[in-house]
Amino acid sequence: MELNRKATPEEEKLLEILIEKSSLPIPKNWKEELLVCPMQDGAMGSLYLFPKGQVIEGRSMGKQVSDFQFTDSDGVSVIASLNVDDDGNLFELDIWKTDFGQLLKFPDL
């Protein structure tokens, strides 16, 4: 597993939708410095988010700020949620495939 990497274009598109839905005051250049780290979630696609390229240990989830539902290529429903930490910074992209299976394809956005 590759740790602390840049988000893929598909991950960025999904994050864009979630950020827009959240109305969070996120800088326009958020993608330039964002690092992500895949979660061990059975390959459902969840990511820890590190804004400004800073990996800060000990952060904890504050709240969910938006969600987006889509259907995977196998017809199974998927819910993507954007969570922020206690300070209101991007914390995680939580992806839950309702059959707990592996995410096959990010949505076409």
PDB file of N, CA and C in Angstrom:
ATOM      1  N   MET A   1       0.842  -1.176   0.000  1.00  0.00           N
ATOM      2  CA  MET A   1       0.000   0.000   0.000  1.00  0.00           C
ATOM      3  C   MET A   1       0.889   1.242   0.000  1.00  0.00           C
ATOM      4  N   GLU A   2       0.582   2.170  -0.893  1.00  0.00           N
ATOM      5  CA  GLU A   2       1.343   3.413  -0.971  1.00  0.00           C
ATOM      6  C   GLU A   2       0.789   4.398   0.044  1.00  0.00           C
ATOM      7  N   LEU A   3       1.652   4.883   0.914  1.00  0.00           N
ATOM      8  CA  LEU A   3       1.229   5.813   1.955  1.00  0.00           C
ATOM      9  C   LEU A   3       1.532   7.240   1.543  1.00  0.00           C
ATOM     10  N   ASN A   4       0.726   8.165   2.040  1.00  0.00           N
ATOM     11  CA  ASN A   4       0.966   9.596   1.868  1.00  0.00           C
ATOM     12  C   ASN A   4       1.295   9.959   0.422  1.00  0.00           C
ATOM     13  N   ARG A   5       0.311   9.794  -0.425  1.00  0.00           N
ATOM     14  CA  ARG A   5       0.463  10.067  -1.847  1.00  0.00           C
ATOM     15  C   ARG A   5      -0.509  11.164  -2.266  1.00  0.00           C
ATOM     16  N   LYS A   6      -0.360  11.647  -3.484  1.00  0.00           N
ATOM     17  CA  LYS A   6      -1.319  12.578  -4.055  1.00  0.00           C
ATOM     18  C   LYS A   6      -2.588  11.790  -4.407  1.00  0.00           C
ATOM     19  N   ALA A   7      -3.724  12.455  -4.375  1.00  0.00           N
ATOM     20  CA  ALA A   7      -4.989  11.823  -4.753  1.00  0.00           C
ATOM     21  C   ALA A   7      -5.012  11.585  -6.258  1.00  0.00           C
ATOM     22  N   THR A   8      -5.692  10.513  -6.660  1.00  0.00           N
ATOM     23  CA  THR A   8      -5.874  10.253  -8.092  1.00  0.00           C
ATOM     24  C   THR A   8      -6.894  11.239  -8.641  1.00  0.00           C
ATOM     25  N   PRO A   9      -6.953  11.413  -9.955  1.00  0.00           N
ATOM     26  CA  PRO A   9      -7.973  12.300 -10.531  1.00  0.00           C
ATOM     27  C   PRO A   9      -9.405  11.897 -10.136  1.00  0.00           C
ATOM     28  N   GLU A  10      -9.683  10.601 -10.067  1.00  0.00           N
ATOM     29  CA  GLU A  10     -11.019  10.133  -9.686  1.00  0.00           C
ATOM     30  C   GLU A  10     -11.340  10.482  -8.234  1.00  0.00           C
ATOM     31  N   GLU A  11     -10.347  10.310  -7.355  1.00  0.00           N
ATOM     32  CA  GLU A  11     -10.530  10.670  -5.943  1.00  0.00           C
ATOM     33  C   GLU A  11     -10.747  12.171  -5.806  1.00  0.00           C
ATOM     34  N   GLU A  12      -9.971  12.956  -6.547  1.00  0.00           N
ATOM     35  CA  GLU A  12     -10.116  14.411  -6.496  1.00  0.00           C
ATOM     36  C   GLU A  12     -11.507  14.853  -6.940  1.00  0.00           C
ATOM     37  N   LYS A  13     -12.036  14.246  -8.001  1.00  0.00           N
ATOM     38  CA  LYS A  13     -13.367  14.614  -8.491  1.00  0.00           C
ATOM     39  C   LYS A  13     -14.424  14.342  -7.436  1.00  0.00           C
ATOM     40  N   LEU A  14     -14.336  13.195  -6.777  1.00  0.00           N
ATOM     41  CA  LEU A  14     -15.298  12.864  -5.728  1.00  0.00           C
ATOM     42  C   LEU A  14     -15.144  13.833  -4.553  1.00  0.00           C
ATOM     43  N   LEU A  15     -13.928  14.140  -4.181  1.00  0.00           N
ATOM     44  CA  LEU A  15     -13.698  15.105  -3.103  1.00  0.00           C
ATOM     45  C   LEU A  15     -14.239  16.489  -3.473  1.00  0.00           C
ATOM     46  N   GLU A  16     -14.079  16.897  -4.733  1.00  0.00           N
ATOM     47  CA  GLU A  16     -14.621  18.186  -5.185  1.00  0.00           C
ATOM     48  C   GLU A  16     -16.129  18.256  -4.947  1.00  0.00           C
ATOM     49  N   ILE A  17     -16.835  17.193  -5.334  1.00  0.00           N
ATOM     50  CA  ILE A  17     -18.298  17.140  -5.144  1.00  0.00           C
ATOM     51  C   ILE A  17     -18.634  17.253  -3.660  1.00  0.00           C
ATOM     52  N   LEU A  18     -17.949  16.484  -2.836  1.00  0.00           N
ATOM     53  CA  LEU A  18     -18.232  16.476  -1.406  1.00  0.00           C
ATOM     54  C   LEU A  18     -17.901  17.822  -0.749  1.00  0.00           C
ATOM     55  N   ILE A  19     -16.804  18.434  -1.149  1.00  0.00           N
ATOM     56  CA  ILE A  19     -16.433  19.736  -0.597  1.00  0.00           C
ATOM     57  C   ILE A  19     -17.460  20.782  -1.004  1.00  0.00           C
ATOM     58  N   GLU A  20     -17.866  20.755  -2.274  1.00  0.00           N
ATOM     59  CA  GLU A  20     -18.867  21.710  -2.742  1.00  0.00           C
ATOM     60  C   GLU A  20     -20.192  21.554  -1.980  1.00  0.00           C
ATOM     61  N   LYS A  21     -20.601  20.312  -1.757  1.00  0.00           N
ATOM     62  CA  LYS A  21     -21.849  20.056  -1.016  1.00  0.00           C
ATOM     63  C   LYS A  21     -21.749  20.491   0.444  1.00  0.00           C
ATOM     64  N   SER A  22     -20.543  20.508   0.976  1.00  0.00           N
ATOM     65  CA  SER A  22     -20.354  20.803   2.400  1.00  0.00           C
ATOM     66  C   SER A  22     -20.391  22.286   2.728  1.00  0.00           C
ATOM     67  N   SER A  23     -20.099  23.125   1.775  1.00  0.00           N
ATOM     68  CA  SER A  23     -19.967  24.578   1.985  1.00  0.00           C
ATOM     69  C   SER A  23     -18.820  24.920   2.935  1.00  0.00           C
ATOM     70  N   LEU A  24     -17.830  24.046   3.033  1.00  0.00           N
ATOM     71  CA  LEU A  24     -16.646  24.342   3.857  1.00  0.00           C
ATOM     72  C   LEU A  24     -15.827  25.452   3.214  1.00  0.00           C
ATOM     73  N   PRO A  25     -15.225  26.311   4.015  1.00  0.00           N
ATOM     74  CA  PRO A  25     -14.349  27.351   3.468  1.00  0.00           C
ATOM     75  C   PRO A  25     -12.961  26.771   3.163  1.00  0.00           C
ATOM     76  N   ILE A  26     -12.863  26.042   2.068  1.00  0.00           N
ATOM     77  CA  ILE A  26     -11.619  25.378   1.682  1.00  0.00           C
ATOM     78  C   ILE A  26     -10.904  26.251   0.648  1.00  0.00           C
ATOM     79  N   PRO A  27      -9.595  26.457   0.796  1.00  0.00           N
ATOM     80  CA  PRO A  27      -8.855  27.253  -0.197  1.00  0.00           C
ATOM     81  C   PRO A  27      -8.976  26.637  -1.598  1.00  0.00           C
ATOM     82  N   LYS A  28      -8.992  27.486  -2.612  1.00  0.00           N
ATOM     83  CA  LYS A  28      -9.136  27.006  -3.995  1.00  0.00           C
ATOM     84  C   LYS A  28      -7.995  26.087  -4.419  1.00  0.00           C
ATOM     85  N   ASN A  29      -6.839  26.205  -3.801  1.00  0.00           N
ATOM     86  CA  ASN A  29      -5.683  25.379  -4.176  1.00  0.00           C
ATOM     87  C   ASN A  29      -5.539  24.135  -3.293  1.00  0.00           C
ATOM     88  N   TRP A  30      -6.615  23.677  -2.687  1.00  0.00           N
ATOM     89  CA  TRP A  30      -6.552  22.550  -1.746  1.00  0.00           C
ATOM     90  C   TRP A  30      -5.935  21.307  -2.367  1.00  0.00           C
ATOM     91  N   LYS A  31      -6.126  21.094  -3.658  1.00  0.00           N
ATOM     92  CA  LYS A  31      -5.612  19.882  -4.318  1.00  0.00           C
ATOM     93  C   LYS A  31      -4.092  19.874  -4.403  1.00  0.00           C
ATOM     94  N   GLU A  32      -3.496  21.063  -4.506  1.00  0.00           N
ATOM     95  CA  GLU A  32      -2.052  21.157  -4.721  1.00  0.00           C
ATOM     96  C   GLU A  32      -1.247  20.549  -3.577  1.00  0.00           C
ATOM     97  N   GLU A  33      -1.717  20.682  -2.351  1.00  0.00           N
ATOM     98  CA  GLU A  33      -0.937  20.225  -1.198  1.00  0.00           C
ATOM     99  C   GLU A  33      -1.543  19.018  -0.490  1.00  0.00           C
ATOM    100  N   LEU A  34      -2.715  18.575  -0.923  1.00  0.00           N
ATOM    101  CA  LEU A  34      -3.381  17.467  -0.247  1.00  0.00           C
ATOM    102  C   LEU A  34      -2.619  16.159  -0.443  1.00  0.00           C
ATOM    103  N   LEU A  35      -2.391  15.472   0.663  1.00  0.00           N
ATOM    104  CA  LEU A  35      -1.879  14.105   0.627  1.00  0.00           C
ATOM    105  C   LEU A  35      -2.978  13.196   1.151  1.00  0.00           C
ATOM    106  N   VAL A  36      -2.992  11.969   0.639  1.00  0.00           N
ATOM    107  CA  VAL A  36      -3.967  10.980   1.093  1.00  0.00           C
ATOM    108  C   VAL A  36      -3.236   9.704   1.487  1.00  0.00           C
ATOM    109  N   CYS A  37      -3.896   8.922   2.310  1.00  0.00           N
ATOM    110  CA  CYS A  37      -3.370   7.622   2.718  1.00  0.00           C
ATOM    111  C   CYS A  37      -4.536   6.643   2.723  1.00  0.00           C
ATOM    112  N   PRO A  38      -4.467   5.577   1.927  1.00  0.00           N
ATOM    113  CA  PRO A  38      -5.556   4.612   1.906  1.00  0.00           C
ATOM    114  C   PRO A  38      -5.775   3.974   3.280  1.00  0.00           C
ATOM    115  N   MET A  39      -7.053   3.802   3.606  1.00  0.00           N
ATOM    116  CA  MET A  39      -7.421   3.118   4.856  1.00  0.00           C
ATOM    117  C   MET A  39      -7.466   1.613   4.590  1.00  0.00           C
ATOM    118  N   GLN A  40      -7.286   0.858   5.636  1.00  0.00           N
ATOM    119  CA  GLN A  40      -7.460  -0.586   5.524  1.00  0.00           C
ATOM    120  C   GLN A  40      -8.939  -0.869   5.768  1.00  0.00           C
ATOM    121  N   ASP A  41      -9.697  -0.855   4.661  1.00  0.00           N
ATOM    122  CA  ASP A  41     -11.153  -0.983   4.761  1.00  0.00           C
ATOM    123  C   ASP A  41     -11.704  -2.057   3.837  1.00  0.00           C
ATOM    124  N   GLY A  42     -10.877  -3.032   3.486  1.00  0.00           N
ATOM    125  CA  GLY A  42     -11.332  -4.074   2.582  1.00  0.00           C
ATOM    126  C   GLY A  42     -11.369  -3.594   1.140  1.00  0.00           C
ATOM    127  N   ALA A  43     -10.568  -2.600   0.804  1.00  0.00           N
ATOM    128  CA  ALA A  43     -10.450  -2.032  -0.547  1.00  0.00           C
ATOM    129  C   ALA A  43     -11.721  -1.322  -1.007  1.00  0.00           C
ATOM    130  N   MET A  44     -12.476  -0.747  -0.051  1.00  0.00           N
ATOM    131  CA  MET A  44     -13.660   0.020  -0.431  1.00  0.00           C
ATOM    132  C   MET A  44     -13.276   1.412  -0.924  1.00  0.00           C
ATOM    133  N   GLY A  45     -12.039   1.856  -0.706  1.00  0.00           N
ATOM    134  CA  GLY A  45     -11.566   3.113  -1.256  1.00  0.00           C
ATOM    135  C   GLY A  45     -11.456   4.273  -0.289  1.00  0.00           C
ATOM    136  N   SER A  46     -11.672   4.059   1.000  1.00  0.00           N
ATOM    137  CA  SER A  46     -11.600   5.141   1.976  1.00  0.00           C
ATOM    138  C   SER A  46     -10.176   5.674   2.106  1.00  0.00           C
ATOM    139  N   LEU A  47     -10.084   6.983   2.413  1.00  0.00           N
ATOM    140  CA  LEU A  47      -8.789   7.650   2.504  1.00  0.00           C
ATOM    141  C   LEU A  47      -8.712   8.542   3.734  1.00  0.00           C
ATOM    142  N   TYR A  48      -7.556   8.545   4.375  1.00  0.00           N
ATOM    143  CA  TYR A  48      -7.237   9.594   5.335  1.00  0.00           C
ATOM    144  C   TYR A  48      -6.769  10.779   4.519  1.00  0.00           C
ATOM    145  N   LEU A  49      -7.139  11.982   4.930  1.00  0.00           N
ATOM    146  CA  LEU A  49      -6.795  13.197   4.200  1.00  0.00           C
ATOM    147  C   LEU A  49      -5.859  14.069   5.028  1.00  0.00           C
ATOM    148  N   PHE A  50      -4.807  14.560   4.385  1.00  0.00           N
ATOM    149  CA  PHE A  50      -3.831  15.412   5.054  1.00  0.00           C
ATOM    150  C   PHE A  50      -3.700  16.715   4.275  1.00  0.00           C
ATOM    151  N   PRO A  51      -4.483  17.752   4.670  1.00  0.00           N
ATOM    152  CA  PRO A  51      -4.386  19.024   3.969  1.00  0.00           C
ATOM    153  C   PRO A  51      -3.035  19.678   4.193  1.00  0.00           C
ATOM    154  N   LYS A  52      -2.643  20.490   3.249  1.00  0.00           N
ATOM    155  CA  LYS A  52      -1.375  21.233   3.292  1.00  0.00           C
ATOM    156  C   LYS A  52      -0.171  20.308   3.362  1.00  0.00           C
ATOM    157  N   GLY A  53      -0.332  19.053   2.961  1.00  0.00           N
ATOM    158  CA  GLY A  53       0.777  18.116   2.930  1.00  0.00           C
ATOM    159  C   GLY A  53       1.353  17.776   4.280  1.00  0.00           C
ATOM    160  N   GLN A  54       0.612  18.042   5.342  1.00  0.00           N
ATOM    161  CA  GLN A  54       1.107  17.811   6.697  1.00  0.00           C
ATOM    162  C   GLN A  54       0.435  16.587   7.306  1.00  0.00           C
ATOM    163  N   VAL A  55       1.238  15.576   7.590  1.00  0.00           N
ATOM    164  CA  VAL A  55       0.738  14.386   8.265  1.00  0.00           C
ATOM    165  C   VAL A  55       0.825  14.654   9.757  1.00  0.00           C
ATOM    166  N   ILE A  56      -0.330  14.861  10.364  1.00  0.00           N
ATOM    167  CA  ILE A  56      -0.392  15.181  11.789  1.00  0.00           C
ATOM    168  C   ILE A  56      -1.015  13.996  12.517  1.00  0.00           C
ATOM    169  N   GLU A  57      -0.241  13.381  13.373  1.00  0.00           N
ATOM    170  CA  GLU A  57      -0.721  12.230  14.140  1.00  0.00           C
ATOM    171  C   GLU A  57      -1.639  12.696  15.270  1.00  0.00           C
ATOM    172  N   GLY A  58      -2.534  11.836  15.681  1.00  0.00           N
ATOM    173  CA  GLY A  58      -3.363  12.116  16.840  1.00  0.00           C
ATOM    174  C   GLY A  58      -4.607  12.941  16.565  1.00  0.00           C
ATOM    175  N   ARG A  59      -4.873  13.271  15.292  1.00  0.00           N
ATOM    176  CA  ARG A  59      -6.112  14.003  14.989  1.00  0.00           C
ATOM    177  C   ARG A  59      -7.281  13.052  15.200  1.00  0.00           C
ATOM    178  N   SER A  60      -8.439  13.608  15.502  1.00  0.00           N
ATOM    179  CA  SER A  60      -9.622  12.756  15.630  1.00  0.00           C
ATOM    180  C   SER A  60     -10.763  13.371  14.840  1.00  0.00           C
ATOM    181  N   MET A  61     -11.668  12.497  14.449  1.00  0.00           N
ATOM    182  CA  MET A  61     -12.793  12.927  13.636  1.00  0.00           C
ATOM    183  C   MET A  61     -13.681  13.880  14.411  1.00  0.00           C
ATOM    184  N   GLY A  62     -14.070  14.959  13.750  1.00  0.00           N
ATOM    185  CA  GLY A  62     -14.995  15.916  14.337  1.00  0.00           C
ATOM    186  C   GLY A  62     -16.421  15.608  13.935  1.00  0.00           C
ATOM    187  N   LYS A  63     -16.692  15.693  12.608  1.00  0.00           N
ATOM    188  CA  LYS A  63     -18.054  15.426  12.142  1.00  0.00           C
ATOM    189  C   LYS A  63     -18.075  15.174  10.644  1.00  0.00           C
ATOM    190  N   GLN A  64     -19.169  14.592  10.196  1.00  0.00           N
ATOM    191  CA  GLN A  64     -19.423  14.414   8.773  1.00  0.00           C
ATOM    192  C   GLN A  64     -20.005  15.721   8.238  1.00  0.00           C
ATOM    193  N   VAL A  65     -19.484  16.183   7.086  1.00  0.00           N
ATOM    194  CA  VAL A  65     -19.962  17.448   6.533  1.00  0.00           C
ATOM    195  C   VAL A  65     -20.723  17.290   5.215  1.00  0.00           C
ATOM    196  N   SER A  66     -20.607  16.148   4.570  1.00  0.00           N
ATOM    197  CA  SER A  66     -21.379  15.899   3.351  1.00  0.00           C
ATOM    198  C   SER A  66     -21.310  14.424   2.993  1.00  0.00           C
ATOM    199  N   ASP A  67     -22.222  14.024   2.105  1.00  0.00           N
ATOM    200  CA  ASP A  67     -22.174  12.665   1.577  1.00  0.00           C
ATOM    201  C   ASP A  67     -22.693  12.655   0.150  1.00  0.00           C
ATOM    202  N   PHE A  68     -22.394  11.570  -0.543  1.00  0.00           N
ATOM    203  CA  PHE A  68     -22.759  11.411  -1.945  1.00  0.00           C
ATOM    204  C   PHE A  68     -22.978   9.928  -2.185  1.00  0.00           C
ATOM    205  N   GLN A  69     -24.098   9.579  -2.795  1.00  0.00           N
ATOM    206  CA  GLN A  69     -24.399   8.179  -3.068  1.00  0.00           C
ATOM    207  C   GLN A  69     -24.284   7.913  -4.557  1.00  0.00           C
ATOM    208  N   PHE A  70     -23.693   6.766  -4.898  1.00  0.00           N
ATOM    209  CA  PHE A  70     -23.587   6.360  -6.300  1.00  0.00           C
ATOM    210  C   PHE A  70     -23.658   4.843  -6.370  1.00  0.00           C
ATOM    211  N   THR A  71     -23.746   4.332  -7.587  1.00  0.00           N
ATOM    212  CA  THR A  71     -23.827   2.888  -7.800  1.00  0.00           C
ATOM    213  C   THR A  71     -22.535   2.422  -8.449  1.00  0.00           C
ATOM    214  N   ASP A  72     -21.924   1.382  -7.871  1.00  0.00           N
ATOM    215  CA  ASP A  72     -20.695   0.817  -8.417  1.00  0.00           C
ATOM    216  C   ASP A  72     -21.035   0.084  -9.717  1.00  0.00           C
ATOM    217  N   SER A  73     -20.021  -0.282 -10.468  1.00  0.00           N
ATOM    218  CA  SER A  73     -20.237  -0.924 -11.766  1.00  0.00           C
ATOM    219  C   SER A  73     -20.908  -2.292 -11.666  1.00  0.00           C
ATOM    220  N   ASP A  74     -20.939  -2.879 -10.470  1.00  0.00           N
ATOM    221  CA  ASP A  74     -21.621  -4.157 -10.274  1.00  0.00           C
ATOM    222  C   ASP A  74     -23.054  -3.970  -9.764  1.00  0.00           C
ATOM    223  N   GLY A  75     -23.532  -2.719  -9.712  1.00  0.00           N
ATOM    224  CA  GLY A  75     -24.901  -2.451  -9.302  1.00  0.00           C
ATOM    225  C   GLY A  75     -25.106  -2.263  -7.810  1.00  0.00           C
ATOM    226  N   VAL A  76     -24.050  -2.324  -7.023  1.00  0.00           N
ATOM    227  CA  VAL A  76     -24.156  -2.193  -5.571  1.00  0.00           C
ATOM    228  C   VAL A  76     -24.043  -0.711  -5.179  1.00  0.00           C
ATOM    229  N   SER A  77     -24.895  -0.276  -4.254  1.00  0.00           N
ATOM    230  CA  SER A  77     -24.886   1.107  -3.784  1.00  0.00           C
ATOM    231  C   SER A  77     -23.642   1.397  -2.954  1.00  0.00           C
ATOM    232  N   VAL A  78     -23.133   2.631  -3.124  1.00  0.00           N
ATOM    233  CA  VAL A  78     -21.948   3.095  -2.408  1.00  0.00           C
ATOM    234  C   VAL A  78     -22.274   4.464  -1.826  1.00  0.00           C
ATOM    235  N   ILE A  79     -21.862   4.684  -0.587  1.00  0.00           N
ATOM    236  CA  ILE A  79     -22.028   5.991   0.050  1.00  0.00           C
ATOM    237  C   ILE A  79     -20.643   6.527   0.392  1.00  0.00           C
ATOM    238  N   ALA A  80     -20.358   7.719  -0.122  1.00  0.00           N
ATOM    239  CA  ALA A  80     -19.090   8.397   0.173  1.00  0.00           C
ATOM    240  C   ALA A  80     -19.395   9.561   1.109  1.00  0.00           C
ATOM    241  N   SER A  81     -18.664   9.651   2.199  1.00  0.00           N
ATOM    242  CA  SER A  81     -18.863  10.722   3.174  1.00  0.00           C
ATOM    243  C   SER A  81     -17.562  11.479   3.374  1.00  0.00           C
ATOM    244  N   LEU A  82     -17.691  12.792   3.538  1.00  0.00           N
ATOM    245  CA  LEU A  82     -16.533  13.626   3.833  1.00  0.00           C
ATOM    246  C   LEU A  82     -16.591  14.011   5.297  1.00  0.00           C
ATOM    247  N   ASN A  83     -15.514  13.727   6.006  1.00  0.00           N
ATOM    248  CA  ASN A  83     -15.429  14.032   7.434  1.00  0.00           C
ATOM    249  C   ASN A  83     -14.295  15.011   7.683  1.00  0.00           C
ATOM    250  N   VAL A  84     -14.505  15.872   8.671  1.00  0.00           N
ATOM    251  CA  VAL A  84     -13.470  16.815   9.089  1.00  0.00           C
ATOM    252  C   VAL A  84     -13.036  16.464  10.506  1.00  0.00           C
ATOM    253  N   ASP A  85     -11.868  16.969  10.894  1.00  0.00           N
ATOM    254  CA  ASP A  85     -11.373  16.716  12.246  1.00  0.00           C
ATOM    255  C   ASP A  85     -11.973  17.732  13.228  1.00  0.00           C
ATOM    256  N   ASP A  86     -11.537  17.669  14.467  1.00  0.00           N
ATOM    257  CA  ASP A  86     -12.063  18.560  15.505  1.00  0.00           C
ATOM    258  C   ASP A  86     -11.800  20.038  15.218  1.00  0.00           C
ATOM    259  N   ASP A  87     -10.801  20.319  14.369  1.00  0.00           N
ATOM    260  CA  ASP A  87     -10.480  21.698  14.024  1.00  0.00           C
ATOM    261  C   ASP A  87     -11.134  22.158  12.722  1.00  0.00           C
ATOM    262  N   GLY A  88     -11.954  21.285  12.106  1.00  0.00           N
ATOM    263  CA  GLY A  88     -12.635  21.635  10.864  1.00  0.00           C
ATOM    264  C   GLY A  88     -11.813  21.432   9.615  1.00  0.00           C
ATOM    265  N   ASN A  89     -10.681  20.722   9.729  1.00  0.00           N
ATOM    266  CA  ASN A  89      -9.833  20.425   8.571  1.00  0.00           C
ATOM    267  C   ASN A  89     -10.235  19.089   7.955  1.00  0.00           C
ATOM    268  N   LEU A  90     -10.005  18.953   6.650  1.00  0.00           N
ATOM    269  CA  LEU A  90     -10.297  17.684   5.990  1.00  0.00           C
ATOM    270  C   LEU A  90      -9.639  16.550   6.766  1.00  0.00           C
ATOM    271  N   PHE A  91     -10.410  15.484   7.007  1.00  0.00           N
ATOM    272  CA  PHE A  91      -9.911  14.377   7.824  1.00  0.00           C
ATOM    273  C   PHE A  91      -9.955  13.047   7.082  1.00  0.00           C
ATOM    274  N   GLU A  92     -11.122  12.715   6.488  1.00  0.00           N
ATOM    275  CA  GLU A  92     -11.196  11.451   5.761  1.00  0.00           C
ATOM    276  C   GLU A  92     -12.317  11.447   4.736  1.00  0.00           C
ATOM    277  N   LEU A  93     -12.075  10.672   3.700  1.00  0.00           N
ATOM    278  CA  LEU A  93     -13.083  10.315   2.727  1.00  0.00           C
ATOM    279  C   LEU A  93     -13.475   8.892   3.088  1.00  0.00           C
ATOM    280  N   ASP A  94     -14.676   8.743   3.614  1.00  0.00           N
ATOM    281  CA  ASP A  94     -15.146   7.430   4.054  1.00  0.00           C
ATOM    282  C   ASP A  94     -16.048   6.863   2.968  1.00  0.00           C
ATOM    283  N   ILE A  95     -15.656   5.725   2.408  1.00  0.00           N
ATOM    284  CA  ILE A  95     -16.446   5.078   1.363  1.00  0.00           C
ATOM    285  C   ILE A  95     -16.956   3.762   1.903  1.00  0.00           C
ATOM    286  N   TRP A  96     -18.279   3.591   1.792  1.00  0.00           N
ATOM    287  CA  TRP A  96     -18.909   2.368   2.272  1.00  0.00           C
ATOM    288  C   TRP A  96     -19.724   1.744   1.153  1.00  0.00           C
ATOM    289  N   LYS A  97     -19.275   0.592   0.696  1.00  0.00           N
ATOM    290  CA  LYS A  97     -20.024  -0.186  -0.289  1.00  0.00           C
ATOM    291  C   LYS A  97     -20.971  -1.062   0.509  1.00  0.00           C
ATOM    292  N   THR A  98     -22.253  -0.969   0.209  1.00  0.00           N
ATOM    293  CA  THR A  98     -23.269  -1.553   1.084  1.00  0.00           C
ATOM    294  C   THR A  98     -23.199  -3.071   1.214  1.00  0.00           C
ATOM    295  N   ASP A  99     -22.457  -3.744   0.347  1.00  0.00           N
ATOM    296  CA  ASP A  99     -22.259  -5.185   0.527  1.00  0.00           C
ATOM    297  C   ASP A  99     -20.886  -5.477   1.138  1.00  0.00           C
ATOM    298  N   PHE A 100     -20.188  -4.413   1.573  1.00  0.00           N
ATOM    299  CA  PHE A 100     -18.847  -4.493   2.166  1.00  0.00           C
ATOM    300  C   PHE A 100     -17.801  -5.033   1.193  1.00  0.00           C
ATOM    301  N   GLY A 101     -18.106  -5.013  -0.099  1.00  0.00           N
ATOM    302  CA  GLY A 101     -17.172  -5.494  -1.105  1.00  0.00           C
ATOM    303  C   GLY A 101     -16.182  -4.418  -1.530  1.00  0.00           C
ATOM    304  N   GLN A 102     -15.295  -4.806  -2.406  1.00  0.00           N
ATOM    305  CA  GLN A 102     -14.276  -3.916  -2.940  1.00  0.00           C
ATOM    306  C   GLN A 102     -14.893  -2.951  -3.943  1.00  0.00           C
ATOM    307  N   LEU A 103     -14.526  -1.674  -3.851  1.00  0.00           N
ATOM    308  CA  LEU A 103     -14.986  -0.685  -4.816  1.00  0.00           C
ATOM    309  C   LEU A 103     -14.351  -1.010  -6.170  1.00  0.00           C
ATOM    310  N   LEU A 104     -15.179  -1.142  -7.193  1.00  0.00           N
ATOM    311  CA  LEU A 104     -14.678  -1.471  -8.517  1.00  0.00           C
ATOM    312  C   LEU A 104     -14.355  -0.233  -9.341  1.00  0.00           C
ATOM    313  N   LYS A 105     -15.173   0.836  -9.169  1.00  0.00           N
ATOM    314  CA  LYS A 105     -15.009   2.016 -10.008  1.00  0.00           C
ATOM    315  C   LYS A 105     -15.575   3.236  -9.318  1.00  0.00           C
ATOM    316  N   PHE A 106     -14.793   4.318  -9.323  1.00  0.00           N
ATOM    317  CA  PHE A 106     -15.299   5.594  -8.824  1.00  0.00           C
ATOM    318  C   PHE A 106     -16.381   6.076  -9.785  1.00  0.00           C
ATOM    319  N   PRO A 107     -17.306   6.888  -9.321  1.00  0.00           N
ATOM    320  CA  PRO A 107     -18.384   7.346 -10.204  1.00  0.00           C
ATOM    321  C   PRO A 107     -17.853   8.245 -11.318  1.00  0.00           C
ATOM    322  N   ASP A 108     -18.546   8.218 -12.465  1.00  0.00           N
ATOM    323  CA  ASP A 108     -18.221   9.124 -13.551  1.00  0.00           C
ATOM    324  C   ASP A 108     -18.846  10.471 -13.229  1.00  0.00           C
ATOM    325  N   LEU A 109     -18.026  11.437 -12.902  1.00  0.00           N
ATOM    326  CA  LEU A 109     -18.536  12.753 -12.506  1.00  0.00           C
ATOM    327  C   LEU A 109     -18.142  13.806 -13.511  1.00  0.00           C
TER     328      LEU A 109
END
